[in-house]
């Protein structure tokens, strides 16, 4: 199926506020969920973007997820990969890596805890 996507970014103090409108075609291959996306309309002045969202359920209740956004006009890339797993009850551990070709420090890694209400 074909989805209409509306993304709005309006975080207080953020320099990348704006929005984009596009289309997505989500599908699954076994346990892998993928959603290729195309955004022909953006308000941040960078132009069109193509992207991909992905999620894979792993053994032992772990999850691998991520995204890739590619700016077609600026030829810039932002991508993130995250793995999460259970600790106890509603608490999970998380390891995340990000590459952002817009940022001065392009590579980032984070380790943390997720607690769900």
C-alpha atoms as a PDB file:
ATOM      1  CA  UNK A   1       0.000   0.000   0.000  1.00  0.00           C
ATOM      2  CA  UNK A   2       0.942   3.651  -0.372  1.00  0.00           C
ATOM      3  CA  UNK A   3       1.013   6.028   2.635  1.00  0.00           C
ATOM      4  CA  UNK A   4       0.936   9.814   2.711  1.00  0.00           C
ATOM      5  CA  UNK A   5       3.564  11.084   5.179  1.00  0.00           C
ATOM      6  CA  UNK A   6       3.564  14.456   6.945  1.00  0.00           C
ATOM      7  CA  UNK A   7       6.601  15.172   9.159  1.00  0.00           C
ATOM      8  CA  UNK A   8       6.672  18.296  11.317  1.00  0.00           C
ATOM      9  CA  UNK A   9       9.750  19.348  13.290  1.00  0.00           C
ATOM     10  CA  UNK A  10       9.128  22.153  15.732  1.00  0.00           C
ATOM     11  CA  UNK A  11      11.287  21.509  18.774  1.00  0.00           C
ATOM     12  CA  UNK A  12      11.868  24.469  21.102  1.00  0.00           C
ATOM     13  CA  UNK A  13      15.274  25.983  20.344  1.00  0.00           C
ATOM     14  CA  UNK A  14      15.945  23.685  17.387  1.00  0.00           C
ATOM     15  CA  UNK A  15      17.581  25.176  14.320  1.00  0.00           C
ATOM     16  CA  UNK A  16      16.091  22.606  11.931  1.00  0.00           C
ATOM     17  CA  UNK A  17      12.423  23.444  12.313  1.00  0.00           C
ATOM     18  CA  UNK A  18      10.257  22.735   9.322  1.00  0.00           C
ATOM     19  CA  UNK A  19       8.149  20.132   7.665  1.00  0.00           C
ATOM     20  CA  UNK A  20       8.006  17.755   4.761  1.00  0.00           C
ATOM     21  CA  UNK A  21       5.327  15.912   2.823  1.00  0.00           C
ATOM     22  CA  UNK A  22       5.910  12.667   1.020  1.00  0.00           C
ATOM     23  CA  UNK A  23       4.953   9.131   0.179  1.00  0.00           C
ATOM     24  CA  UNK A  24       5.940   5.834   1.777  1.00  0.00           C
ATOM     25  CA  UNK A  25       5.590   2.238   0.671  1.00  0.00           C
ATOM     26  CA  UNK A  26       5.880   0.049   3.802  1.00  0.00           C
ATOM     27  CA  UNK A  27       6.328  -3.705   3.428  1.00  0.00           C
ATOM     28  CA  UNK A  28       7.745  -6.704   5.248  1.00  0.00           C
ATOM     29  CA  UNK A  29      10.175  -9.429   4.288  1.00  0.00           C
ATOM     30  CA  UNK A  30       9.884 -12.101   6.965  1.00  0.00           C
ATOM     31  CA  UNK A  31      10.602 -10.346  10.287  1.00  0.00           C
ATOM     32  CA  UNK A  32      12.088  -7.269   8.583  1.00  0.00           C
ATOM     33  CA  UNK A  33       9.815  -4.212   8.227  1.00  0.00           C
ATOM     34  CA  UNK A  34      10.938  -1.608   5.661  1.00  0.00           C
ATOM     35  CA  UNK A  35       9.438   1.689   4.581  1.00  0.00           C
ATOM     36  CA  UNK A  36      11.088   3.477   1.651  1.00  0.00           C
ATOM     37  CA  UNK A  37      10.054   7.149   1.556  1.00  0.00           C
ATOM     38  CA  UNK A  38      10.227  10.030  -0.872  1.00  0.00           C
ATOM     39  CA  UNK A  39       9.654  13.650   0.183  1.00  0.00           C
ATOM     40  CA  UNK A  40       9.229  15.954  -2.836  1.00  0.00           C
ATOM     41  CA  UNK A  41       8.016  18.886  -0.669  1.00  0.00           C
ATOM     42  CA  UNK A  42      10.059  20.399   2.189  1.00  0.00           C
ATOM     43  CA  UNK A  43       9.928  23.720   4.020  1.00  0.00           C
ATOM     44  CA  UNK A  44      13.524  23.848   5.304  1.00  0.00           C
ATOM     45  CA  UNK A  45      15.035  24.936   1.980  1.00  0.00           C
ATOM     46  CA  UNK A  46      17.202  21.852   1.434  1.00  0.00           C
ATOM     47  CA  UNK A  47      15.055  20.304  -1.293  1.00  0.00           C
ATOM     48  CA  UNK A  48      13.806  16.791  -1.852  1.00  0.00           C
ATOM     49  CA  UNK A  49      14.716  13.828   0.327  1.00  0.00           C
ATOM     50  CA  UNK A  50      14.640  10.075  -0.035  1.00  0.00           C
ATOM     51  CA  UNK A  51      14.649   7.868   3.020  1.00  0.00           C
ATOM     52  CA  UNK A  52      14.250   4.452   4.512  1.00  0.00           C
ATOM     53  CA  UNK A  53      12.892   3.298   7.875  1.00  0.00           C
ATOM     54  CA  UNK A  54      13.621  -0.236   9.072  1.00  0.00           C
ATOM     55  CA  UNK A  55      12.829  -2.493  12.031  1.00  0.00           C
ATOM     56  CA  UNK A  56      13.858  -6.064  12.768  1.00  0.00           C
ATOM     57  CA  UNK A  57      12.791  -8.132  15.758  1.00  0.00           C
ATOM     58  CA  UNK A  58      15.771 -10.100  17.071  1.00  0.00           C
ATOM     59  CA  UNK A  59      16.006 -13.122  19.363  1.00  0.00           C
ATOM     60  CA  UNK A  60      15.805 -12.617  23.158  1.00  0.00           C
ATOM     61  CA  UNK A  61      13.234  -9.781  22.762  1.00  0.00           C
ATOM     62  CA  UNK A  62      15.795  -7.430  21.216  1.00  0.00           C
ATOM     63  CA  UNK A  63      15.014  -4.992  18.394  1.00  0.00           C
ATOM     64  CA  UNK A  64      17.176  -3.448  15.701  1.00  0.00           C
ATOM     65  CA  UNK A  65      15.811  -0.299  14.073  1.00  0.00           C
ATOM     66  CA  UNK A  66      17.041   2.639  12.113  1.00  0.00           C
ATOM     67  CA  UNK A  67      16.547   5.222   9.435  1.00  0.00           C
ATOM     68  CA  UNK A  68      18.397   6.779   6.545  1.00  0.00           C
ATOM     69  CA  UNK A  69      17.567  10.221   5.101  1.00  0.00           C
ATOM     70  CA  UNK A  70      19.356  11.400   1.976  1.00  0.00           C
ATOM     71  CA  UNK A  71      19.023  14.983   0.767  1.00  0.00           C
ATOM     72  CA  UNK A  72      18.892  14.855  -3.024  1.00  0.00           C
ATOM     73  CA  UNK A  73      19.881  18.496  -3.599  1.00  0.00           C
ATOM     74  CA  UNK A  74      22.610  18.913  -0.979  1.00  0.00           C
ATOM     75  CA  UNK A  75      23.758  15.249  -1.221  1.00  0.00           C
ATOM     76  CA  UNK A  76      23.850  15.036   2.579  1.00  0.00           C
ATOM     77  CA  UNK A  77      23.063  11.974   4.660  1.00  0.00           C
ATOM     78  CA  UNK A  78      21.670  11.394   8.151  1.00  0.00           C
ATOM     79  CA  UNK A  79      21.416   7.815   9.349  1.00  0.00           C
ATOM     80  CA  UNK A  80      20.867   6.124  12.688  1.00  0.00           C
ATOM     81  CA  UNK A  81      20.978   2.532  13.894  1.00  0.00           C
ATOM     82  CA  UNK A  82      19.667   1.486  17.305  1.00  0.00           C
ATOM     83  CA  UNK A  83      19.541  -1.828  19.152  1.00  0.00           C
ATOM     84  CA  UNK A  84      17.432  -2.303  22.265  1.00  0.00           C
ATOM     85  CA  UNK A  85      16.895  -5.187  24.635  1.00  0.00           C
ATOM     86  CA  UNK A  86      15.052  -5.971  27.851  1.00  0.00           C
ATOM     87  CA  UNK A  87      16.489  -5.593  31.347  1.00  0.00           C
ATOM     88  CA  UNK A  88      13.548  -6.072  33.699  1.00  0.00           C
ATOM     89  CA  UNK A  89       9.862  -5.243  33.406  1.00  0.00           C
ATOM     90  CA  UNK A  90       9.452  -1.974  31.506  1.00  0.00           C
ATOM     91  CA  UNK A  91      13.175  -1.142  31.450  1.00  0.00           C
ATOM     92  CA  UNK A  92      15.370  -1.674  28.380  1.00  0.00           C
ATOM     93  CA  UNK A  93      18.988  -0.968  27.451  1.00  0.00           C
ATOM     94  CA  UNK A  94      19.784   0.895  24.251  1.00  0.00           C
ATOM     95  CA  UNK A  95      22.852   1.463  22.060  1.00  0.00           C
ATOM     96  CA  UNK A  96      22.548   3.966  19.238  1.00  0.00           C
ATOM     97  CA  UNK A  97      24.850   5.203  16.517  1.00  0.00           C
ATOM     98  CA  UNK A  98      24.269   8.176  14.236  1.00  0.00           C
ATOM     99  CA  UNK A  99      26.013   9.651  11.208  1.00  0.00           C
ATOM    100  CA  UNK A 100      25.022  13.220  10.317  1.00  0.00           C
ATOM    101  CA  UNK A 101      26.821  14.869   7.409  1.00  0.00           C
ATOM    102  CA  UNK A 102      25.193  18.221   8.338  1.00  0.00           C
ATOM    103  CA  UNK A 103      26.879  18.289  11.775  1.00  0.00           C
ATOM    104  CA  UNK A 104      30.416  19.299  12.648  1.00  0.00           C
ATOM    105  CA  UNK A 105      30.804  16.154  14.787  1.00  0.00           C
ATOM    106  CA  UNK A 106      29.382  13.763  12.225  1.00  0.00           C
ATOM    107  CA  UNK A 107      29.539  10.510  14.182  1.00  0.00           C
ATOM    108  CA  UNK A 108      27.699  10.020  17.451  1.00  0.00           C
ATOM    109  CA  UNK A 109      27.226   7.034  19.754  1.00  0.00           C
ATOM    110  CA  UNK A 110      24.889   6.813  22.740  1.00  0.00           C
ATOM    111  CA  UNK A 111      24.239   4.200  25.398  1.00  0.00           C
ATOM    112  CA  UNK A 112      21.214   4.495  27.621  1.00  0.00           C
ATOM    113  CA  UNK A 113      18.200   3.140  29.399  1.00  0.00           C
ATOM    114  CA  UNK A 114      14.584   3.252  28.229  1.00  0.00           C
ATOM    115  CA  UNK A 115      11.781   3.130  30.754  1.00  0.00           C
ATOM    116  CA  UNK A 116       8.222   2.797  29.413  1.00  0.00           C
ATOM    117  CA  UNK A 117       5.191   4.029  31.317  1.00  0.00           C
END
